[in-house]
Amino acid sequence: MRWQDLITADPTIMHGATCFRGTRIPVAVVLDNLAAGLTPEALQEQYPTLPERAVPAALAYAADLARERILPIPA
């Protein structure tokens, strides 16, 4: 899973927060909801525009962040 294919940061969208490409859904929203116990299926119901691969991409992104290195975010 290459999270870079699905996650982007654009200063003109959501003030530059990392979002899923083609949406205004921040990655943090998905991660927060997963941490709160929501299932990927429940997330898809709440956010119907969320790409199917969003959960694995968000987890891969979070794993890279946890490695404490600088991550380039594609625009």
Protein backbone atom coordinates (compact mmCIF):
# COMPACT_ATOMS: atom_id res chain seq x y z
CA MET A 1 0.00 0.00 0.00
CA ARG A 2 1.45 3.31 -1.11
CA TRP A 3 -0.35 5.89 0.97
CA GLN A 4 1.14 8.59 -1.24
CA ASP A 5 -1.25 7.51 -4.02
CA LEU A 6 -4.28 8.39 -1.88
CA ILE A 7 -3.19 11.07 0.59
CA THR A 8 -2.37 14.64 -0.32
CA ALA A 9 -1.87 18.04 1.30
CA ASP A 10 -2.98 21.13 -0.58
CA PRO A 11 -2.86 24.56 1.10
CA THR A 12 -6.10 25.50 -0.70
CA ILE A 13 -8.02 22.50 0.68
CA MET A 14 -8.81 22.21 4.40
CA HIS A 15 -5.98 24.69 5.21
CA GLY A 16 -3.36 22.18 4.06
CA ALA A 17 -4.44 19.29 6.29
CA THR A 18 -3.64 15.88 4.88
CA CYS A 19 -6.76 14.63 3.10
CA PHE A 20 -7.72 11.81 0.81
CA ARG A 21 -7.22 12.77 -2.81
CA GLY A 22 -10.40 14.16 -4.38
CA THR A 23 -12.13 14.66 -1.02
CA ARG A 24 -12.16 17.11 1.86
CA ILE A 25 -11.92 14.27 4.39
CA PRO A 26 -8.86 14.69 6.63
CA VAL A 27 -6.76 11.61 7.35
CA ALA A 28 -6.93 12.52 11.05
CA VAL A 29 -10.72 12.07 10.99
CA VAL A 30 -10.34 8.50 9.77
CA LEU A 31 -7.60 7.73 12.29
CA ASP A 32 -9.56 9.31 15.15
CA ASN A 33 -12.65 7.27 14.29
CA LEU A 34 -10.68 4.04 14.00
CA ALA A 35 -9.07 4.75 17.38
CA ALA A 36 -12.56 5.30 18.82
CA GLY A 37 -13.56 1.82 17.68
CA LEU A 38 -15.45 2.48 14.44
CA THR A 39 -15.13 -0.22 11.81
CA PRO A 40 -14.03 0.55 8.25
CA GLU A 41 -17.58 -0.31 7.18
CA ALA A 42 -19.05 2.23 9.60
CA LEU A 43 -16.62 4.86 8.33
CA GLN A 44 -17.70 4.16 4.75
CA GLU A 45 -21.34 4.64 5.78
CA GLN A 46 -20.57 7.95 7.52
CA TYR A 47 -18.34 9.20 4.71
CA PRO A 48 -19.65 7.75 1.43
CA THR A 49 -17.04 9.65 -0.62
CA LEU A 50 -14.22 7.99 1.32
CA PRO A 51 -12.13 5.84 -1.04
CA GLU A 52 -12.27 2.10 -0.35
CA ARG A 53 -8.52 1.99 0.25
CA ALA A 54 -8.64 4.92 2.70
CA VAL A 55 -8.28 2.89 5.90
CA PRO A 56 -5.17 0.96 4.81
CA ALA A 57 -3.71 4.18 3.40
CA ALA A 58 -4.39 6.06 6.65
CA LEU A 59 -2.78 3.28 8.69
CA ALA A 60 0.26 3.16 6.40
CA TYR A 61 0.57 6.96 6.69
CA ALA A 62 0.32 6.78 10.49
CA ALA A 63 2.93 4.01 10.59
CA ASP A 64 5.33 6.18 8.59
CA LEU A 65 4.70 9.11 10.93
CA ALA A 66 5.37 6.89 13.93
CA ARG A 67 8.85 6.22 12.57
CA GLU A 68 9.64 9.89 13.34
CA ARG A 69 11.06 10.92 10.03
CA ILE A 70 10.21 13.74 7.66
CA LEU A 71 7.58 12.70 5.14
CA PRO A 72 7.12 14.40 1.80
CA ILE A 73 3.39 14.83 1.10
CA PRO A 74 2.41 14.93 -2.58
CA ALA A 75 0.37 17.93 -3.73
